[in-house]
Amino acid sequence: MEKISSGEEVGGAGGAYSYSALKRLDQIWSSICEPKADSKVPEVVTRIPEPLADSDLGAGSEIFDVIVCGGTLGIFVATALSSKGLRVGIIERNIIKGREQEWNISRKELMEIVEIGILSEAELEKIISSDFNPNRCGFEDKGEIWVENILNLGISPAKLVETMKERFIASGGEMFEGKNLSSIYVYDNCAVLKLSDGDSLSCRLVVDAMGNFSPIVRQIRSGRKPDGMCLVVGACARGFEKNTTSDIIFSSSAVNRAGNSGVQLFWEAFPAGSGPNDRTTYMFTYVDPKFGGPKLEELLEVFWNLMPAYQDVVLENLDIRRVIFGIFPTYRDSPLPAAFDRILQVGDASGIQSPVSFGGFGSLTRHLGRLSNGIYEAVEGGFLDARSLQLLNPYMPNLSASWLFQRAMSVRPHVNVSPTFINELLFANFQSMQKLGDSVLRPFLQDVIQFGPLVKTLGLVMLTRPQILPSIFKQVGLGAILDWSGHFLMLGYYTFLSTFIDPGTRSWIESLPPRDKYQWKRYLEAWRYGAGLDYRQEE
């Protein structure tokens, strides 16, 4: 890894490739698994219940409308807000720069950025590095399901982030790179951000885009252990002769051993834009931090052992370009509601990403229009108290319902189910969705859970594979199923509200006072997005 490591580390998941970075991440993962001592979580945010006097700001000090902390994904939110006329700044501890490793995404998700006006279609074409079809889902020789145009584009984060930076600066935005956030003091009339170099910045709203390990989120959650974790390792290599299709999710075996843990391993693979024979291969697994799990280094050893058979290659014939690794925590109580006045979490910091795919960029594109409009209205109207900001990260039953799927895909010690059960369950579900058609399968593959398709899928699985039901109860537990049932009912309720109540209330909402109008618009968005009805089938 040290031999092939090149380039500087950048922010965001997957932004580091060195062996020392792997060791650091393994230390973080080990600390998450350890029983928690009564150590006090550092307080980054302090609420001071009084206005900040103009004299305390300093002569000539500028108050930004919004300051975004974290630039890798925060640059998209910042650019969207700046393009609406707000005065926006970004703080980033490194240089705001996209990683070398490509993101894979569907064109319809990329078009979300075009539709809000911060990327043109011509610019979109320039950032696409590769285009591949068809795309496979398969589970341990039980059968394969092939689809088209799902996660079939490889895009260059470096080019995309650079384009966003140019657009952000052109719209009047200001960047503060190489700056570490030290603390935030929230006053009645503004927030003051103290930086580690002694500088300070003031704004009306702080947007926390510092990802899964944001220090503000750590304070809000009081250092609580995540409910689930996805561990990812992989590599980008040159020398693949078969390199025109992709794997969205593929399992080549039953439960394996990695270190001292039993794990169900899944694969994802797709062509890389750096050359016709270049391919990126990921191996990932879901684990419960309560029971611990393998180290990333141990997973990498399993990756090198299993990848040649999975991809039908000889390892010695490959030119390894990069080694990739990451850990992605998930919490059952997500998205994370705003806990402070004048501070809002977005992206991975908010927990808005799917607990199954952990697609931070993909989930951000889906919510970018909703968030940028809502944040703009909150800033313009002065609705910056915690209660008003909570409406921007509302309860979403489809996101909460999908948490059970991650639980079902995790190996749990001392649960007496077959080592092949997870693959059998997944194939039964995917086969049922395929029979029910694109209107059921395609939203699920793009992390959108909808009530109607979910009812159809569960019904067909129970009719065709009733013998699998006892093992489901053993695998996930009765308590988790009862909890999920509540979210399932709410998913149906939100679907009803968005379908039948929303259309009749819009004209009434327009007549309301500004604060009430802001609140009701957020309710309509919560119903729509929480029911997955923002998803539109491609033509």
Protein backbone atom coordinates (compact mmCIF):
# COMPACT_ATOMS: atom_id res chain seq x y z
CA MET A 1 0.00 0.00 0.00
CA GLU A 2 2.82 2.42 0.76
CA LYS A 3 4.37 1.70 -2.65
CA ILE A 4 1.20 2.53 -4.58
CA SER A 5 -0.04 5.34 -2.32
CA SER A 6 0.13 8.61 -4.20
CA GLY A 7 -1.40 12.03 -3.93
CA GLU A 8 -2.58 13.86 -0.85
CA GLU A 9 -5.44 12.76 1.35
CA VAL A 10 -8.72 14.57 0.83
CA GLY A 11 -11.82 14.90 2.96
CA GLY A 12 -14.76 12.53 2.90
CA ALA A 13 -15.12 8.77 2.91
CA GLY A 14 -12.57 7.02 0.72
CA GLY A 15 -10.32 10.07 0.52
CA ALA A 16 -7.24 8.30 1.93
CA TYR A 17 -5.38 5.28 0.54
CA SER A 18 -2.24 4.82 2.67
CA TYR A 19 -1.47 2.02 5.12
CA SER A 20 -1.13 4.53 7.97
CA ALA A 21 -4.64 5.84 7.16
CA LEU A 22 -5.93 2.25 7.26
CA LYS A 23 -4.36 1.78 10.70
CA ARG A 24 -5.92 5.02 11.94
CA LEU A 25 -9.36 3.98 10.74
CA ASP A 26 -8.98 0.55 12.35
CA GLN A 27 -8.19 2.29 15.65
CA ILE A 28 -11.39 4.34 15.34
CA TRP A 29 -13.39 1.19 14.53
CA SER A 30 -11.88 -0.64 17.53
CA SER A 31 -12.72 2.26 19.85
CA ILE A 32 -16.35 2.17 18.63
CA CYS A 33 -16.59 -1.54 19.47
CA GLU A 34 -15.08 -1.18 22.95
CA PRO A 35 -17.38 -0.94 25.98
CA LYS A 36 -17.79 2.76 26.69
CA ALA A 37 -16.23 4.19 29.79
CA ASP A 38 -17.83 7.25 31.37
CA SER A 39 -15.62 9.56 29.33
CA LYS A 40 -17.06 12.99 28.70
CA VAL A 41 -17.69 13.90 25.06
CA PRO A 42 -16.01 17.21 24.15
CA GLU A 43 -18.52 20.03 23.83
CA VAL A 44 -18.05 21.84 20.54
CA VAL A 45 -21.29 23.84 20.70
CA THR A 46 -22.16 26.23 23.53
CA ARG A 47 -25.50 28.04 23.69
CA ILE A 48 -25.36 31.57 25.13
CA PRO A 49 -28.94 32.83 25.71
CA GLU A 50 -28.34 36.47 24.87
CA PRO A 51 -27.60 38.49 21.72
CA LEU A 52 -24.02 39.17 20.71
CA ALA A 53 -23.29 42.88 20.87
CA ASP A 54 -22.05 44.54 17.67
CA SER A 55 -18.98 45.73 19.56
CA ASP A 56 -17.98 42.12 20.27
CA LEU A 57 -17.93 41.24 16.59
CA GLY A 58 -14.99 43.48 15.85
CA ALA A 59 -14.75 46.37 13.43
CA GLY A 60 -15.49 45.41 9.85
CA SER A 61 -16.39 41.82 10.71
CA GLU A 62 -18.76 40.27 8.19
CA ILE A 63 -21.72 38.15 9.24
CA PHE A 64 -22.32 35.42 6.67
CA ASP A 65 -25.82 34.17 6.05
CA VAL A 66 -24.55 30.57 6.10
CA ILE A 67 -21.24 28.92 6.91
CA VAL A 68 -20.87 25.32 5.77
CA CYS A 69 -18.44 23.15 7.77
CA GLY A 70 -16.99 20.36 5.62
CA GLY A 71 -16.29 20.93 1.96
CA THR A 72 -16.26 17.60 0.12
CA LEU A 73 -20.05 17.22 0.01
CA GLY A 74 -20.74 20.57 1.65
CA ILE A 75 -19.63 22.35 -1.54
CA PHE A 76 -22.86 21.23 -3.24
CA VAL A 77 -25.12 22.67 -0.52
CA ALA A 78 -22.98 25.82 -0.33
CA THR A 79 -23.13 26.37 -4.10
CA ALA A 80 -26.90 25.83 -4.18
CA LEU A 81 -27.40 28.39 -1.40
CA SER A 82 -24.92 30.88 -2.83
CA SER A 83 -26.64 30.69 -6.23
CA LYS A 84 -29.87 31.79 -4.48
CA GLY A 85 -28.17 34.99 -3.35
CA LEU A 86 -27.12 34.11 0.19
CA ARG A 87 -23.68 35.09 1.50
CA VAL A 88 -22.03 31.72 2.08
CA GLY A 89 -18.65 30.58 3.39
CA ILE A 90 -17.10 27.09 3.62
CA ILE A 91 -14.64 25.86 6.25
CA GLU A 92 -12.59 22.77 5.29
CA ARG A 93 -9.69 21.34 7.28
CA ASN A 94 -7.97 20.11 4.10
CA ILE A 95 -8.16 21.45 0.56
CA ILE A 96 -11.64 21.23 -0.98
CA LYS A 97 -10.90 18.55 -3.52
CA GLY A 98 -12.66 15.42 -4.76
CA ARG A 99 -10.99 12.07 -4.23
CA GLU A 100 -9.34 10.18 -7.09
CA GLN A 101 -11.62 7.16 -6.78
CA GLU A 102 -14.78 7.49 -8.87
CA TRP A 103 -18.33 7.64 -7.55
CA ASN A 104 -20.81 5.39 -9.34
CA ILE A 105 -24.30 6.75 -9.77
CA SER A 106 -27.34 6.69 -12.06
CA ARG A 107 -27.93 9.47 -14.56
CA LYS A 108 -31.31 10.31 -13.02
CA GLU A 109 -29.59 11.05 -9.70
CA LEU A 110 -27.03 13.29 -11.42
CA MET A 111 -29.87 15.19 -13.11
CA GLU A 112 -31.02 16.32 -9.65
CA ILE A 113 -27.95 18.63 -9.58
CA VAL A 114 -28.75 19.91 -13.07
CA GLU A 115 -32.39 20.58 -12.16
CA ILE A 116 -31.51 22.89 -9.27
CA GLY A 117 -29.29 24.91 -11.57
CA ILE A 118 -25.76 24.46 -10.21
CA LEU A 119 -24.51 22.14 -12.97
CA SER A 120 -25.24 22.29 -16.70
CA GLU A 121 -25.84 19.23 -18.86
CA ALA A 122 -22.66 20.05 -20.79
CA GLU A 123 -20.66 20.11 -17.54
CA LEU A 124 -22.34 16.87 -16.47
CA GLU A 125 -21.06 15.10 -19.59
CA LYS A 126 -17.51 16.27 -18.84
CA ILE A 127 -17.46 14.70 -15.38
CA ILE A 128 -18.68 11.27 -16.57
CA SER A 129 -15.64 8.99 -16.79
CA SER A 130 -17.33 5.71 -17.74
CA ASP A 131 -20.71 4.35 -18.82
CA PHE A 132 -21.47 0.64 -18.50
CA ASN A 133 -24.42 -1.74 -18.84
CA PRO A 134 -25.98 -4.12 -17.91
CA ASN A 135 -25.82 -4.24 -14.09
CA ARG A 136 -26.05 -7.45 -12.05
CA CYS A 137 -27.53 -8.57 -8.71
CA GLY A 138 -26.73 -12.15 -7.70
CA PHE A 139 -26.64 -14.39 -4.64
CA GLU A 140 -24.46 -17.50 -4.26
CA ASP A 141 -25.34 -19.38 -7.48
CA LYS A 142 -29.06 -19.09 -6.80
CA GLY A 143 -29.65 -16.95 -9.85
CA GLU A 144 -28.87 -13.53 -11.30
CA ILE A 145 -30.99 -10.48 -12.01
CA TRP A 146 -29.79 -8.05 -14.68
CA VAL A 147 -30.95 -4.44 -14.98
CA GLU A 148 -30.01 -1.43 -17.11
CA ASN A 149 -28.96 2.08 -16.08
CA ILE A 150 -28.66 1.52 -12.31
CA LEU A 151 -25.43 2.95 -10.83
CA ASN A 152 -24.05 2.62 -14.35
CA LEU A 153 -22.04 5.83 -14.56
CA GLY A 154 -18.61 6.43 -13.12
CA ILE A 155 -18.02 10.11 -12.41
CA SER A 156 -14.87 11.94 -11.40
CA PRO A 157 -15.26 13.51 -7.94
CA ALA A 158 -12.15 15.58 -8.62
CA LYS A 159 -13.69 17.17 -11.74
CA LEU A 160 -17.13 17.56 -10.18
CA VAL A 161 -15.90 19.20 -6.97
CA GLU A 162 -13.60 21.50 -8.97
CA THR A 163 -16.57 22.56 -11.12
CA MET A 164 -18.60 23.26 -7.97
CA LYS A 165 -15.74 25.30 -6.49
CA GLU A 166 -15.60 27.47 -9.61
CA ARG A 167 -19.38 27.94 -9.56
CA PHE A 168 -19.32 28.71 -5.82
CA ILE A 169 -16.61 31.36 -6.09
CA ALA A 170 -18.27 32.90 -9.16
CA SER A 171 -21.51 33.27 -7.19
CA GLY A 172 -19.74 35.18 -4.42
CA GLY A 173 -18.92 32.34 -2.05
CA GLU A 174 -15.81 32.38 0.12
CA MET A 175 -13.64 29.39 1.06
CA PHE A 176 -11.55 28.94 4.21
CA GLU A 177 -9.33 25.94 3.43
CA GLY A 178 -6.81 24.39 5.82
CA LYS A 179 -8.94 25.57 8.77
CA ASN A 180 -10.05 23.38 11.69
CA LEU A 181 -13.26 24.15 13.57
CA SER A 182 -12.55 24.46 17.29
CA SER A 183 -15.88 25.55 18.81
CA ILE A 184 -19.20 27.26 18.09
CA TYR A 185 -20.95 29.79 20.33
CA VAL A 186 -24.63 30.18 19.49
CA TYR A 187 -26.14 33.53 20.48
CA ASP A 188 -29.69 34.76 20.06
CA ASN A 189 -28.77 36.75 16.95
CA CYS A 190 -25.89 34.80 15.37
CA ALA A 191 -23.39 31.95 15.69
CA VAL A 192 -19.65 32.55 16.17
CA LEU A 193 -17.25 29.85 14.95
CA LYS A 194 -13.82 29.74 16.56
CA LEU A 195 -11.06 28.19 14.46
CA SER A 196 -7.98 26.39 15.75
CA ASP A 197 -5.67 29.08 14.37
CA GLY A 198 -7.38 31.75 16.49
CA ASP A 199 -9.55 33.21 13.75
CA SER A 200 -13.32 33.47 14.12
CA LEU A 201 -16.25 33.74 11.71
CA SER A 202 -19.84 34.79 12.34
CA CYS A 203 -23.00 33.69 10.57
CA ARG A 204 -26.75 33.40 10.92
CA LEU A 205 -26.77 29.63 10.29
CA VAL A 206 -24.14 26.87 10.55
CA VAL A 207 -24.54 23.91 8.19
CA ASP A 208 -22.71 20.85 9.50
CA ALA A 209 -21.56 18.76 6.53
CA MET A 210 -18.65 17.09 8.36
CA GLY A 211 -19.89 13.57 7.73
CA ASN A 212 -20.41 10.53 9.92
CA PHE A 213 -17.76 11.58 12.45
CA SER A 214 -18.74 15.22 12.84
CA PRO A 215 -17.73 16.46 16.33
CA ILE A 216 -21.07 18.30 16.56
CA VAL A 217 -22.98 15.06 15.89
CA ARG A 218 -20.82 13.28 18.46
CA GLN A 219 -21.87 15.90 21.02
CA ILE A 220 -25.56 15.59 20.08
CA ARG A 221 -25.46 11.79 20.32
CA SER A 222 -23.34 11.95 23.52
CA GLY A 223 -20.86 9.55 21.95
CA ARG A 224 -23.47 6.79 21.71
CA LYS A 225 -22.41 3.59 19.93
CA PRO A 226 -23.93 3.22 16.41
CA ASP A 227 -26.69 0.66 15.93
CA GLY A 228 -25.03 -0.78 12.83
CA MET A 229 -21.88 -0.48 10.76
CA CYS A 230 -20.90 -1.14 7.16
CA LEU A 231 -17.24 -2.06 6.63
CA VAL A 232 -15.88 -1.60 3.10
CA VAL A 233 -12.58 -2.60 1.52
CA GLY A 234 -11.57 -2.78 -2.11
CA ALA A 235 -9.18 -1.81 -4.85
CA CYS A 236 -8.95 -0.17 -8.23
CA ALA A 237 -6.76 -2.27 -10.49
CA ARG A 238 -5.66 -2.50 -14.12
CA GLY A 239 -5.64 -5.71 -16.14
CA PHE A 240 -9.26 -6.94 -16.29
CA GLU A 241 -10.18 -8.37 -19.68
CA LYS A 242 -13.90 -8.75 -18.82
CA ASN A 243 -14.84 -5.20 -18.03
CA THR A 244 -18.06 -4.00 -19.64
CA THR A 245 -20.69 -4.79 -16.96
CA SER A 246 -21.11 -3.93 -13.30
CA ASP A 247 -22.26 -5.65 -10.11
CA ILE A 248 -24.64 -3.67 -7.91
CA ILE A 249 -24.69 -6.33 -5.22
CA PHE A 250 -23.27 -9.83 -5.55
CA SER A 251 -22.68 -12.56 -2.98
CA SER A 252 -20.40 -15.39 -4.03
CA SER A 253 -20.56 -17.45 -0.82
CA ALA A 254 -22.38 -18.14 2.44
CA VAL A 255 -21.17 -16.77 5.79
CA ASN A 256 -17.34 -16.49 5.92
CA ARG A 257 -14.76 -15.90 8.62
CA ALA A 258 -12.78 -12.65 8.81
CA GLY A 259 -10.51 -12.39 11.82
CA ASN A 260 -12.53 -13.89 14.68
CA SER A 261 -15.91 -12.90 13.25
CA GLY A 262 -18.51 -14.52 11.06
CA VAL A 263 -19.49 -12.17 8.22
CA GLN A 264 -21.73 -12.23 5.17
CA LEU A 265 -19.68 -10.68 2.39
CA PHE A 266 -21.07 -8.75 -0.56
CA TRP A 267 -19.38 -7.43 -3.67
CA GLU A 268 -19.77 -4.42 -5.92
CA ALA A 269 -17.69 -3.95 -9.07
CA PHE A 270 -17.70 -1.58 -12.02
CA PRO A 271 -15.38 -0.34 -14.80
CA ALA A 272 -13.16 2.63 -13.99
CA GLY A 273 -12.80 5.59 -16.30
CA SER A 274 -8.99 5.56 -16.15
CA GLY A 275 -8.74 2.83 -18.81
CA PRO A 276 -10.71 0.12 -20.65
CA ASN A 277 -9.14 -2.63 -18.51
CA ASP A 278 -9.38 -0.75 -15.19
CA ARG A 279 -11.94 -1.93 -12.68
CA THR A 280 -12.97 -0.98 -9.14
CA THR A 281 -14.00 -3.83 -6.84
CA TYR A 282 -15.52 -3.37 -3.40
CA MET A 283 -16.18 -6.00 -0.74
CA PHE A 284 -18.45 -4.99 2.12
CA THR A 285 -20.23 -6.42 5.12
CA TYR A 286 -22.74 -5.26 7.73
CA VAL A 287 -21.91 -5.78 11.41
CA ASP A 288 -23.36 -4.88 14.79
CA PRO A 289 -20.81 -2.84 16.80
CA LYS A 290 -22.26 -4.36 19.96
CA PHE A 291 -20.71 -7.69 18.92
CA GLY A 292 -17.63 -6.17 17.31
CA GLY A 293 -16.34 -7.31 13.96
CA PRO A 294 -13.20 -7.82 11.90
CA LYS A 295 -10.62 -5.12 11.45
CA LEU A 296 -10.42 -3.54 8.00
CA GLU A 297 -6.95 -5.00 7.63
CA GLU A 298 -8.35 -8.47 8.28
CA LEU A 299 -11.12 -7.86 5.75
CA LEU A 300 -8.52 -6.81 3.19
CA GLU A 301 -6.74 -10.14 3.59
CA VAL A 302 -10.04 -11.91 2.85
CA PHE A 303 -10.58 -9.56 -0.09
CA TRP A 304 -7.25 -10.53 -1.71
CA ASN A 305 -8.02 -14.22 -1.15
CA LEU A 306 -11.54 -14.18 -2.61
CA MET A 307 -11.40 -11.49 -5.30
CA PRO A 308 -9.56 -13.54 -7.98
CA ALA A 309 -12.23 -16.27 -7.99
CA TYR A 310 -15.05 -13.68 -7.88
CA GLN A 311 -13.67 -11.68 -10.84
CA ASP A 312 -12.06 -14.65 -12.64
CA VAL A 313 -8.57 -13.10 -12.67
CA VAL A 314 -5.06 -13.96 -11.49
CA LEU A 315 -4.03 -11.51 -8.79
CA GLU A 316 -0.40 -11.41 -9.98
CA ASN A 317 -1.57 -10.24 -13.42
CA LEU A 318 -3.25 -7.12 -12.00
CA ASP A 319 -1.65 -3.72 -11.56
CA ILE A 320 -3.10 -2.41 -8.28
CA ARG A 321 -3.66 1.33 -8.58
CA ARG A 322 -5.34 2.11 -5.26
CA VAL A 323 -6.55 0.31 -2.14
CA ILE A 324 -9.89 1.56 -0.78
CA PHE A 325 -11.45 1.27 2.68
CA GLY A 326 -14.08 2.90 4.86
CA ILE A 327 -16.44 2.50 7.82
CA PHE A 328 -20.01 3.80 7.74
CA PRO A 329 -22.07 3.94 10.96
CA THR A 330 -25.86 4.00 11.06
CA TYR A 331 -28.34 4.91 13.77
CA ARG A 332 -31.94 3.80 14.02
CA ASP A 333 -33.07 7.30 15.00
CA SER A 334 -32.15 8.96 11.72
CA PRO A 335 -32.36 11.53 10.21
CA LEU A 336 -30.85 13.46 13.10
CA PRO A 337 -33.11 16.36 14.19
CA ALA A 338 -31.47 19.73 14.83
CA ALA A 339 -30.45 19.92 18.49
CA PHE A 340 -29.30 23.56 18.62
CA ASP A 341 -30.57 26.88 17.36
CA ARG A 342 -28.74 28.04 14.21
CA ILE A 343 -27.08 24.66 13.49
CA LEU A 344 -28.32 22.11 10.94
CA GLN A 345 -26.81 18.77 9.87
CA VAL A 346 -26.84 17.79 6.18
CA GLY A 347 -25.51 14.83 4.21
CA ASP A 348 -23.95 11.95 6.13
CA ALA A 349 -23.84 14.05 9.33
CA SER A 350 -27.66 14.13 9.29
CA GLY A 351 -28.03 10.36 8.80
CA ILE A 352 -30.16 10.93 5.69
CA GLN A 353 -28.23 8.26 3.75
CA SER A 354 -29.61 4.76 3.35
CA PRO A 355 -28.48 2.29 6.05
CA VAL A 356 -28.13 -0.32 3.29
CA SER A 357 -26.18 1.45 0.54
CA PHE A 358 -24.46 4.24 2.50
CA GLY A 359 -24.51 6.29 -0.70
CA GLY A 360 -23.67 9.69 0.78
CA PHE A 361 -23.38 11.47 -2.55
CA GLY A 362 -26.43 9.75 -4.06
CA SER A 363 -28.63 10.55 -1.07
CA LEU A 364 -27.41 14.15 -1.06
CA THR A 365 -28.35 14.67 -4.72
CA ARG A 366 -31.84 13.33 -4.01
CA HIS A 367 -32.41 15.81 -1.15
CA LEU A 368 -30.37 18.77 -2.42
CA GLY A 369 -33.29 20.65 -3.97
CA ARG A 370 -35.49 20.15 -0.91
CA LEU A 371 -32.74 21.15 1.51
CA SER A 372 -31.46 24.19 -0.40
CA ASN A 373 -34.98 25.60 -0.79
CA GLY A 374 -35.82 24.93 2.85
CA ILE A 375 -32.57 26.39 4.19
CA TYR A 376 -33.01 29.49 2.02
CA GLU A 377 -36.55 30.03 3.35
CA ALA A 378 -35.38 29.48 6.94
CA VAL A 379 -32.58 32.04 6.60
CA GLU A 380 -34.71 34.59 4.76
CA GLY A 381 -37.58 34.26 7.22
CA GLY A 382 -35.37 34.08 10.31
CA PHE A 383 -36.73 30.64 11.23
CA LEU A 384 -33.46 29.49 12.75
CA ASP A 385 -34.55 28.09 16.10
CA ALA A 386 -33.97 24.35 16.65
CA ARG A 387 -37.67 23.53 16.29
CA SER A 388 -37.90 25.18 12.86
CA LEU A 389 -34.65 23.57 11.68
CA GLN A 390 -35.88 20.14 12.81
CA LEU A 391 -38.49 20.35 10.05
CA LEU A 392 -35.65 20.16 7.51
CA ASN A 393 -34.52 16.76 8.85
CA PRO A 394 -37.91 15.21 9.60
CA TYR A 395 -38.86 11.67 10.51
CA MET A 396 -38.97 9.62 7.29
CA PRO A 397 -40.65 6.23 7.71
CA ASN A 398 -39.16 4.79 4.51
CA LEU A 399 -35.65 5.45 5.82
CA SER A 400 -36.49 3.99 9.24
CA ALA A 401 -38.12 0.94 7.60
CA SER A 402 -35.00 0.22 5.55
CA TRP A 403 -32.92 -0.14 8.73
CA LEU A 404 -34.40 -3.62 9.22
CA PHE A 405 -32.92 -4.69 5.87
CA GLN A 406 -29.42 -3.96 7.15
CA ARG A 407 -30.19 -5.95 10.29
CA ALA A 408 -31.35 -8.90 8.15
CA MET A 409 -28.06 -8.78 6.17
CA SER A 410 -25.86 -8.83 9.30
CA VAL A 411 -24.46 -12.00 10.87
CA ARG A 412 -25.51 -12.09 14.52
CA PRO A 413 -23.64 -14.43 16.90
CA HIS A 414 -25.60 -17.17 18.65
CA VAL A 415 -28.51 -17.00 16.19
CA ASN A 416 -29.35 -20.47 14.95
CA VAL A 417 -29.98 -19.92 11.24
CA SER A 418 -28.38 -21.53 8.21
CA PRO A 419 -25.13 -19.95 6.89
CA THR A 420 -26.90 -19.64 3.54
CA PHE A 421 -30.00 -17.94 4.97
CA ILE A 422 -29.06 -14.31 4.15
CA ASN A 423 -28.47 -15.18 0.50
CA GLU A 424 -31.71 -17.18 0.36
CA LEU A 425 -33.65 -14.25 1.84
CA LEU A 426 -32.12 -11.70 -0.50
CA PHE A 427 -32.65 -13.80 -3.59
CA ALA A 428 -36.28 -14.46 -2.62
CA ASN A 429 -36.85 -10.71 -2.32
CA PHE A 430 -35.02 -9.77 -5.51
CA GLN A 431 -36.72 -12.52 -7.49
CA SER A 432 -40.12 -11.34 -6.25
CA MET A 433 -39.34 -7.72 -7.16
CA GLN A 434 -38.21 -8.78 -10.62
CA LYS A 435 -41.50 -10.64 -11.17
CA LEU A 436 -43.43 -7.56 -10.05
CA GLY A 437 -41.65 -5.38 -12.62
CA ASP A 438 -39.57 -2.23 -12.90
CA SER A 439 -42.00 -0.12 -10.86
CA VAL A 440 -41.07 -2.28 -7.84
CA LEU A 441 -37.44 -3.24 -8.53
CA ARG A 442 -35.92 0.01 -9.79
CA PRO A 443 -36.88 2.30 -6.85
CA PHE A 444 -35.52 -0.28 -4.39
CA LEU A 445 -32.20 -0.49 -6.26
CA GLN A 446 -31.94 3.29 -5.96
CA ASP A 447 -32.59 3.27 -2.19
CA VAL A 448 -36.20 4.40 -2.35
CA ILE A 449 -38.66 2.39 -0.24
CA GLN A 450 -42.32 2.87 -1.22
CA PHE A 451 -45.42 1.47 0.48
CA GLY A 452 -47.13 -0.14 -2.52
CA PRO A 453 -44.05 -1.93 -3.89
CA LEU A 454 -43.06 -3.05 -0.38
CA VAL A 455 -46.50 -4.55 0.27
CA LYS A 456 -46.42 -6.37 -3.07
CA THR A 457 -42.92 -7.73 -2.47
CA LEU A 458 -43.57 -8.94 1.08
CA GLY A 459 -46.85 -10.49 -0.01
CA LEU A 460 -45.25 -12.40 -2.87
CA VAL A 461 -42.35 -13.61 -0.70
CA MET A 462 -44.77 -14.91 1.96
CA LEU A 463 -46.88 -16.66 -0.68
CA THR A 464 -43.99 -18.26 -2.55
CA ARG A 465 -41.49 -18.85 0.32
CA PRO A 466 -43.50 -19.26 3.55
CA GLN A 467 -40.85 -21.63 4.92
CA ILE A 468 -38.41 -18.71 5.20
CA LEU A 469 -40.50 -16.79 7.76
CA PRO A 470 -39.32 -18.58 10.97
CA SER A 471 -35.70 -17.90 10.07
CA ILE A 472 -36.49 -14.20 9.50
CA PHE A 473 -37.82 -13.93 13.06
CA LYS A 474 -34.71 -15.67 14.41
CA GLN A 475 -32.34 -13.53 12.35
CA VAL A 476 -33.69 -10.06 13.15
CA GLY A 477 -35.55 -10.67 16.42
CA LEU A 478 -39.16 -10.08 17.41
CA GLY A 479 -38.42 -6.66 18.93
CA ALA A 480 -36.90 -5.35 15.70
CA ILE A 481 -39.84 -6.65 13.67
CA LEU A 482 -42.36 -4.98 15.98
CA ASP A 483 -40.40 -1.73 15.77
CA TRP A 484 -40.30 -2.04 11.97
CA SER A 485 -44.06 -2.68 11.86
CA GLY A 486 -44.65 0.79 13.32
CA HIS A 487 -42.54 2.40 10.59
CA PHE A 488 -44.31 0.26 7.97
CA LEU A 489 -47.70 1.58 9.12
CA MET A 490 -46.36 5.15 9.11
CA LEU A 491 -45.07 4.58 5.58
CA GLY A 492 -48.62 3.76 4.53
CA TYR A 493 -49.94 6.79 6.43
CA TYR A 494 -47.43 9.17 4.80
CA THR A 495 -48.32 7.70 1.40
CA PHE A 496 -52.00 8.49 2.08
CA LEU A 497 -51.20 12.02 3.29
CA SER A 498 -48.99 12.85 0.31
CA THR A 499 -51.37 11.33 -2.24
CA PHE A 500 -54.71 12.63 -0.97
CA ILE A 501 -54.19 15.44 1.57
CA ASP A 502 -51.25 17.29 -0.03
CA PRO A 503 -53.05 18.35 -3.27
CA GLY A 504 -55.99 19.88 -1.38
CA THR A 505 -53.88 21.95 1.03
CA ARG A 506 -51.45 23.76 -1.26
CA SER A 507 -53.63 26.77 -2.08
CA TRP A 508 -54.56 27.12 1.61
CA ILE A 509 -50.88 27.01 2.63
CA GLU A 510 -50.07 29.90 0.29
CA SER A 511 -52.46 32.13 2.27
CA LEU A 512 -50.80 31.46 5.65
CA PRO A 513 -48.47 33.81 7.57
CA PRO A 514 -44.75 33.29 6.73
CA ARG A 515 -43.81 31.03 9.68
CA ASP A 516 -46.90 28.82 9.29
CA LYS A 517 -46.33 28.67 5.54
CA TYR A 518 -42.70 27.58 6.11
CA GLN A 519 -43.80 24.85 8.53
CA TRP A 520 -46.54 23.45 6.33
CA LYS A 521 -44.28 23.33 3.27
CA ARG A 522 -41.87 21.24 5.31
CA TYR A 523 -44.71 18.90 6.35
CA LEU A 524 -45.64 18.32 2.70
CA GLU A 525 -42.00 17.56 1.88
CA ALA A 526 -41.73 15.15 4.82
CA TRP A 527 -44.81 13.24 3.60
CA ARG A 528 -43.56 13.09 0.03
CA TYR A 529 -39.95 12.15 0.69
CA GLY A 530 -40.83 9.99 3.70
CA ALA A 531 -43.13 7.93 1.46
CA GLY A 532 -40.58 7.77 -1.38
CA LEU A 533 -43.01 9.60 -3.68
CA ASP A 534 -40.34 12.06 -4.78
CA TYR A 535 -38.96 9.21 -6.92
CA ARG A 536 -39.90 9.40 -10.58
CA GLN A 537 -39.56 6.45 -12.92
CA GLU A 538 -37.27 7.15 -15.86
CA GLU A 539 -38.86 7.45 -19.25
